[in-house]
Amino acid sequence: MSLSLQINVLFHKLALLVQQPGLNVITELIIGYLYPGRPLANVAFKTYGYISMSQALMFLSDFKLGHYMKIPPRSMFVVQLVGTLVSSSVYFGTAWWLLSTAPNICNTALLDPSSPWTCPGDDVFYNSSIIWGVVGSLRMFGRLGVYAGQNWRFLVGLLAPVPVWECSRLFPKAKWISLINMPILIGATGMMPPVRAVNYLAWGAVGIAFNFVVYRKYKQWWARHNYVLSARLDAGVACSAVLTYFALQCRSIFGIQWWGTELDDHCALARCPTEPGIVTKGCPVF
């Protein structure tokens, strides 16, 4: 009953906000307390607790698009099932091929900053297993860690919509206040460890153009084509990635150098230890 209620709430939020609430931090926090020092157990628990939910939400989003396009549910299910089998096989084969052929794959110290083989998502996944699995939640965010104050952010996130709701009630003529959605603003930062500012700038520009300008001036066009356009943009990114690889990147041409492709966080002290008394070259001692 409880699990069914949680799934329904998540699906309802996805249908309203097109946001996928992540349970990765919650699952890592729980298993980090239960089994500290066991990174494989942490990764396995996260995979079953979060990745399965994320895939289910993506599955639902495709059904949502098919519903708007008036595609029969049975046909959508068959296509999704076949697509899952084909994509999983292709994904495994491609990953195996890249690991055996791409030189210095995932080794950022030996790769060009614009190289497509820096593996940012896998790096974040690995770092999470170290933080939550090897070190453990208690030594990071518990009474034995230096980041215990970060736990207050759970309360901040819970109470964040209240000021917006109160302001919209006190100032009913200010219609723009009701457009502020704190779950979207806060939840969107969940992908920030692997992605960078350029991704958010592009996402914001497209969102404002089509969900604000086009929605207000050309509502009929928006109602008919907006969701199909979203799918076309996703397909266009995938096709562009394949075309870019075979046309340029496989020939070691990685494009121009600019801040949007830099892997550096532009903070010289970001890699310095914060534990008191630790001496590292080029870093301050706390």
Protein backbone atom coordinates (compact mmCIF):
# COMPACT_ATOMS: atom_id res chain seq x y z
CA MET A 1 0.00 0.00 0.00
CA SER A 2 2.75 2.44 0.98
CA LEU A 3 4.89 1.55 -2.06
CA SER A 4 1.89 1.92 -4.36
CA LEU A 5 1.11 5.35 -2.89
CA GLN A 6 4.73 6.50 -3.39
CA ILE A 7 4.78 5.33 -6.99
CA ASN A 8 1.47 7.07 -7.70
CA VAL A 9 2.80 10.33 -6.21
CA LEU A 10 5.96 10.10 -8.33
CA PHE A 11 3.98 9.40 -11.49
CA HIS A 12 1.59 12.26 -10.69
CA LYS A 13 4.52 14.65 -10.30
CA LEU A 14 6.00 13.44 -13.58
CA ALA A 15 2.69 14.00 -15.38
CA LEU A 16 2.30 17.53 -14.00
CA LEU A 17 5.87 18.86 -13.96
CA VAL A 18 7.73 16.57 -16.38
CA GLN A 19 10.25 16.20 -13.55
CA GLN A 20 11.71 12.88 -12.47
CA PRO A 21 12.25 12.96 -8.70
CA GLY A 22 15.48 11.19 -7.87
CA LEU A 23 15.77 8.76 -4.99
CA ASN A 24 19.47 8.16 -5.55
CA VAL A 25 20.59 10.25 -2.57
CA ILE A 26 18.00 8.65 -0.28
CA THR A 27 18.98 5.11 -1.27
CA GLU A 28 22.69 5.90 -0.90
CA LEU A 29 22.09 7.51 2.48
CA ILE A 30 20.16 4.51 3.80
CA ILE A 31 22.56 1.81 2.60
CA GLY A 32 25.52 3.96 3.67
CA TYR A 33 24.26 3.81 7.26
CA LEU A 34 23.42 0.10 7.08
CA TYR A 35 26.58 -1.15 5.35
CA PRO A 36 29.48 1.32 5.64
CA GLY A 37 32.68 0.30 3.91
CA ARG A 38 30.89 -1.79 1.25
CA PRO A 39 30.83 0.11 -2.06
CA LEU A 40 29.49 -2.81 -4.12
CA ALA A 41 26.53 -3.23 -1.77
CA ASN A 42 25.91 0.51 -2.02
CA VAL A 43 25.92 0.45 -5.82
CA ALA A 44 23.67 -2.61 -5.95
CA PHE A 45 21.13 -1.09 -3.55
CA LYS A 46 21.17 2.20 -5.48
CA THR A 47 20.66 0.35 -8.75
CA TYR A 48 17.60 -1.55 -7.52
CA GLY A 49 16.21 1.38 -5.51
CA TYR A 50 16.78 4.26 -7.90
CA ILE A 51 17.72 3.12 -11.40
CA SER A 52 14.68 0.85 -11.67
CA MET A 53 12.42 3.76 -10.64
CA SER A 54 14.14 6.10 -13.10
CA GLN A 55 13.66 3.64 -15.94
CA ALA A 56 10.01 3.21 -14.99
CA LEU A 57 9.49 6.98 -15.12
CA MET A 58 11.15 7.18 -18.54
CA PHE A 59 8.92 4.31 -19.65
CA LEU A 60 5.91 6.29 -18.43
CA SER A 61 7.02 9.45 -20.21
CA ASP A 62 7.10 7.56 -23.50
CA PHE A 63 3.59 6.27 -22.83
CA LYS A 64 2.55 9.85 -22.14
CA LEU A 65 3.87 10.95 -25.53
CA GLY A 66 2.12 8.03 -27.21
CA HIS A 67 -1.13 9.01 -25.48
CA TYR A 68 -0.88 12.53 -26.92
CA MET A 69 -0.20 11.08 -30.38
CA LYS A 70 -3.26 8.77 -30.10
CA ILE A 71 -1.14 5.58 -30.39
CA PRO A 72 -2.86 2.45 -28.99
CA PRO A 73 -1.42 1.43 -25.60
CA ARG A 74 -0.84 -2.17 -26.71
CA SER A 75 1.22 -1.05 -29.68
CA MET A 76 3.21 1.31 -27.44
CA PHE A 77 3.95 -1.51 -25.02
CA VAL A 78 5.16 -3.86 -27.77
CA VAL A 79 7.40 -1.16 -29.24
CA GLN A 80 8.79 -0.34 -25.80
CA LEU A 81 9.49 -4.01 -25.07
CA VAL A 82 11.28 -4.56 -28.37
CA GLY A 83 13.16 -1.28 -28.00
CA THR A 84 14.33 -2.25 -24.52
CA LEU A 85 15.74 -5.56 -25.73
CA VAL A 86 17.45 -4.01 -28.74
CA SER A 87 18.85 -0.98 -26.90
CA SER A 88 20.20 -3.01 -23.98
CA SER A 89 22.02 -5.34 -26.36
CA VAL A 90 23.42 -2.46 -28.41
CA TYR A 91 24.42 -0.57 -25.28
CA PHE A 92 26.30 -3.54 -23.84
CA GLY A 93 28.05 -4.27 -27.12
CA THR A 94 29.01 -0.64 -27.67
CA ALA A 95 30.35 -0.27 -24.12
CA TRP A 96 32.43 -3.44 -24.49
CA TRP A 97 33.79 -2.23 -27.85
CA LEU A 98 34.71 1.22 -26.52
CA LEU A 99 36.44 -0.16 -23.43
CA SER A 100 38.64 -2.31 -25.65
CA THR A 101 39.33 0.18 -28.47
CA ALA A 102 39.14 3.79 -27.16
CA PRO A 103 42.56 4.79 -25.75
CA ASN A 104 42.62 6.32 -22.26
CA ILE A 105 38.87 6.08 -21.95
CA CYS A 106 37.52 7.76 -18.78
CA ASN A 107 41.06 8.92 -17.86
CA THR A 108 40.58 12.69 -17.78
CA ALA A 109 44.28 13.32 -17.05
CA LEU A 110 45.28 11.92 -20.46
CA LEU A 111 42.32 13.07 -22.56
CA ASP A 112 41.57 16.28 -24.42
CA PRO A 113 39.08 18.49 -22.52
CA SER A 114 36.62 18.20 -25.43
CA SER A 115 36.99 14.43 -25.73
CA PRO A 116 33.71 12.48 -25.61
CA TRP A 117 35.32 9.70 -23.55
CA THR A 118 35.65 11.55 -20.22
CA CYS A 119 32.70 9.56 -18.76
CA PRO A 120 31.24 12.28 -16.49
CA GLY A 121 28.16 10.25 -15.53
CA ASP A 122 30.17 7.13 -14.71
CA ASP A 123 32.64 9.25 -12.74
CA VAL A 124 29.84 10.64 -10.60
CA PHE A 125 28.45 7.14 -10.07
CA TYR A 126 31.87 5.90 -8.96
CA ASN A 127 32.47 8.89 -6.67
CA SER A 128 29.07 8.31 -5.07
CA SER A 129 30.02 4.72 -4.29
CA ILE A 130 33.18 5.99 -2.58
CA ILE A 131 31.43 8.73 -0.60
CA TRP A 132 28.41 6.71 0.49
CA GLY A 133 29.84 3.19 0.36
CA VAL A 134 33.49 3.30 1.42
CA VAL A 135 33.41 6.32 3.72
CA GLY A 136 29.79 5.87 4.77
CA SER A 137 26.97 8.24 5.61
CA LEU A 138 27.91 8.44 9.28
CA ARG A 139 31.42 9.73 8.54
CA MET A 140 30.24 12.16 5.88
CA PHE A 141 26.89 13.55 6.96
CA GLY A 142 26.48 12.07 10.45
CA ARG A 143 27.86 12.96 13.85
CA LEU A 144 31.33 11.73 12.84
CA GLY A 145 31.51 13.85 9.67
CA VAL A 146 32.14 17.49 8.86
CA TYR A 147 29.03 17.90 6.67
CA ALA A 148 26.35 17.14 9.24
CA GLY A 149 24.87 20.60 8.71
CA GLN A 150 23.91 19.63 5.15
CA ASN A 151 21.08 17.52 6.58
CA TRP A 152 19.16 20.72 7.28
CA ARG A 153 18.74 21.09 3.53
CA PHE A 154 16.11 18.33 3.62
CA LEU A 155 14.01 20.62 5.81
CA VAL A 156 14.77 23.62 3.60
CA GLY A 157 13.57 21.73 0.53
CA LEU A 158 10.41 20.65 2.34
CA LEU A 159 9.53 24.20 3.40
CA ALA A 160 10.71 26.01 0.25
CA PRO A 161 7.26 26.10 -1.47
CA VAL A 162 5.62 27.69 1.60
CA PRO A 163 6.97 31.27 1.11
CA VAL A 164 5.98 31.19 -2.57
CA TRP A 165 2.47 30.03 -1.69
CA GLU A 166 2.17 32.68 1.02
CA CYS A 167 3.36 35.45 -1.33
CA SER A 168 0.91 34.37 -4.04
CA ARG A 169 -1.89 34.52 -1.44
CA LEU A 170 -0.88 37.95 -0.13
CA PHE A 171 -0.32 39.44 -3.59
CA PRO A 172 -2.99 37.89 -5.84
CA LYS A 173 -2.50 40.53 -8.56
CA ALA A 174 1.13 39.51 -9.08
CA LYS A 175 0.44 36.54 -11.34
CA TRP A 176 4.14 35.85 -11.91
CA ILE A 177 4.55 34.64 -8.33
CA SER A 178 2.32 31.64 -8.99
CA LEU A 179 4.64 30.65 -11.85
CA ILE A 180 7.51 30.05 -9.41
CA ASN A 181 7.75 26.31 -8.84
CA MET A 182 10.29 25.42 -6.17
CA PRO A 183 10.27 21.63 -6.84
CA ILE A 184 11.36 22.34 -10.42
CA LEU A 185 13.99 24.90 -9.41
CA ILE A 186 15.48 22.69 -6.72
CA GLY A 187 14.96 19.34 -8.43
CA ALA A 188 16.60 20.52 -11.65
CA THR A 189 19.93 20.85 -9.84
CA GLY A 190 19.97 17.10 -9.23
CA MET A 191 21.78 16.55 -12.54
CA MET A 192 24.35 19.27 -11.89
CA PRO A 193 27.29 17.02 -10.87
CA PRO A 194 27.67 15.46 -14.37
CA VAL A 195 26.22 18.31 -16.47
CA ARG A 196 27.44 21.88 -16.66
CA ALA A 197 26.12 25.40 -17.00
CA VAL A 198 25.92 25.21 -20.79
CA ASN A 199 23.37 22.40 -20.52
CA TYR A 200 21.14 24.46 -18.25
CA LEU A 201 21.44 27.55 -20.45
CA ALA A 202 20.34 25.61 -23.53
CA TRP A 203 17.52 23.93 -21.58
CA GLY A 204 16.32 27.28 -20.21
CA ALA A 205 16.42 29.01 -23.60
CA VAL A 206 14.36 26.27 -25.30
CA GLY A 207 11.94 26.07 -22.37
CA ILE A 208 11.27 29.81 -22.30
CA ALA A 209 10.93 30.02 -26.07
CA PHE A 210 8.35 27.24 -26.45
CA ASN A 211 6.62 27.02 -23.07
CA PHE A 212 6.28 30.77 -22.53
CA VAL A 213 6.51 32.74 -25.78
CA VAL A 214 5.02 30.18 -28.17
CA TYR A 215 2.49 29.01 -25.58
CA ARG A 216 1.11 32.54 -25.17
CA LYS A 217 1.15 33.67 -28.80
CA TYR A 218 0.53 30.44 -30.71
CA LYS A 219 -1.39 28.22 -28.29
CA GLN A 220 -2.99 26.05 -30.97
CA TRP A 221 0.39 25.27 -32.52
CA TRP A 222 1.81 24.57 -29.07
CA ALA A 223 -1.01 22.17 -28.19
CA ARG A 224 -0.60 20.26 -31.44
CA HIS A 225 3.16 20.12 -31.94
CA ASN A 226 5.01 20.89 -28.70
CA TYR A 227 5.30 17.35 -27.34
CA VAL A 228 6.19 15.98 -30.76
CA LEU A 229 8.83 18.71 -31.05
CA SER A 230 10.30 17.59 -27.73
CA ALA A 231 10.71 14.06 -29.05
CA ARG A 232 12.22 15.36 -32.27
CA LEU A 233 14.77 17.44 -30.37
CA ASP A 234 15.82 14.36 -28.38
CA ALA A 235 16.12 12.33 -31.57
CA GLY A 236 18.05 15.17 -33.21
CA VAL A 237 20.58 15.23 -30.37
CA ALA A 238 21.12 11.48 -30.69
CA CYS A 239 21.56 11.66 -34.48
CA SER A 240 23.88 14.66 -34.16
CA ALA A 241 26.01 12.81 -31.62
CA VAL A 242 26.43 9.83 -33.95
CA LEU A 243 27.15 12.08 -36.94
CA THR A 244 29.65 14.17 -34.97
CA TYR A 245 31.50 11.10 -33.80
CA PHE A 246 31.92 9.49 -37.23
CA ALA A 247 32.63 12.80 -38.98
CA LEU A 248 34.98 14.42 -36.46
CA GLN A 249 35.69 12.71 -33.15
CA CYS A 250 36.82 9.38 -34.56
CA ARG A 251 39.46 11.42 -36.43
CA SER A 252 40.60 13.05 -33.14
CA ILE A 253 38.89 16.36 -34.03
CA PHE A 254 37.18 17.50 -30.85
CA GLY A 255 36.05 20.99 -31.88
CA ILE A 256 36.69 24.40 -30.38
CA GLN A 257 37.91 25.00 -26.85
CA TRP A 258 35.54 27.05 -24.71
CA TRP A 259 34.24 27.15 -21.13
CA GLY A 260 31.23 24.99 -21.93
CA THR A 261 33.40 21.94 -22.60
CA GLU A 262 35.99 22.44 -19.86
CA LEU A 263 36.06 19.77 -17.16
CA ASP A 264 37.59 22.13 -14.61
CA ASP A 265 35.28 23.70 -12.02
CA HIS A 266 37.50 26.83 -11.97
CA CYS A 267 38.19 26.47 -8.26
CA ALA A 268 41.83 25.85 -7.38
CA LEU A 269 40.90 24.59 -3.91
CA ALA A 270 38.15 22.18 -5.01
CA ARG A 271 40.43 19.13 -4.72
CA CYS A 272 41.94 20.14 -1.39
CA PRO A 273 41.10 18.11 1.76
CA THR A 274 38.94 19.78 4.40
CA GLU A 275 39.84 17.48 7.29
CA PRO A 276 41.75 19.49 9.95
CA GLY A 277 45.48 18.85 10.08
CA ILE A 278 45.85 17.29 6.58
CA VAL A 279 48.88 18.75 4.75
CA THR A 280 48.76 18.75 0.94
CA LYS A 281 50.94 20.65 -1.49
CA GLY A 282 49.24 23.79 -2.75
CA CYS A 283 46.32 23.51 -0.30
CA PRO A 284 45.59 25.35 2.93
CA VAL A 285 45.65 23.49 6.25
CA PHE A 286 42.47 23.84 8.26
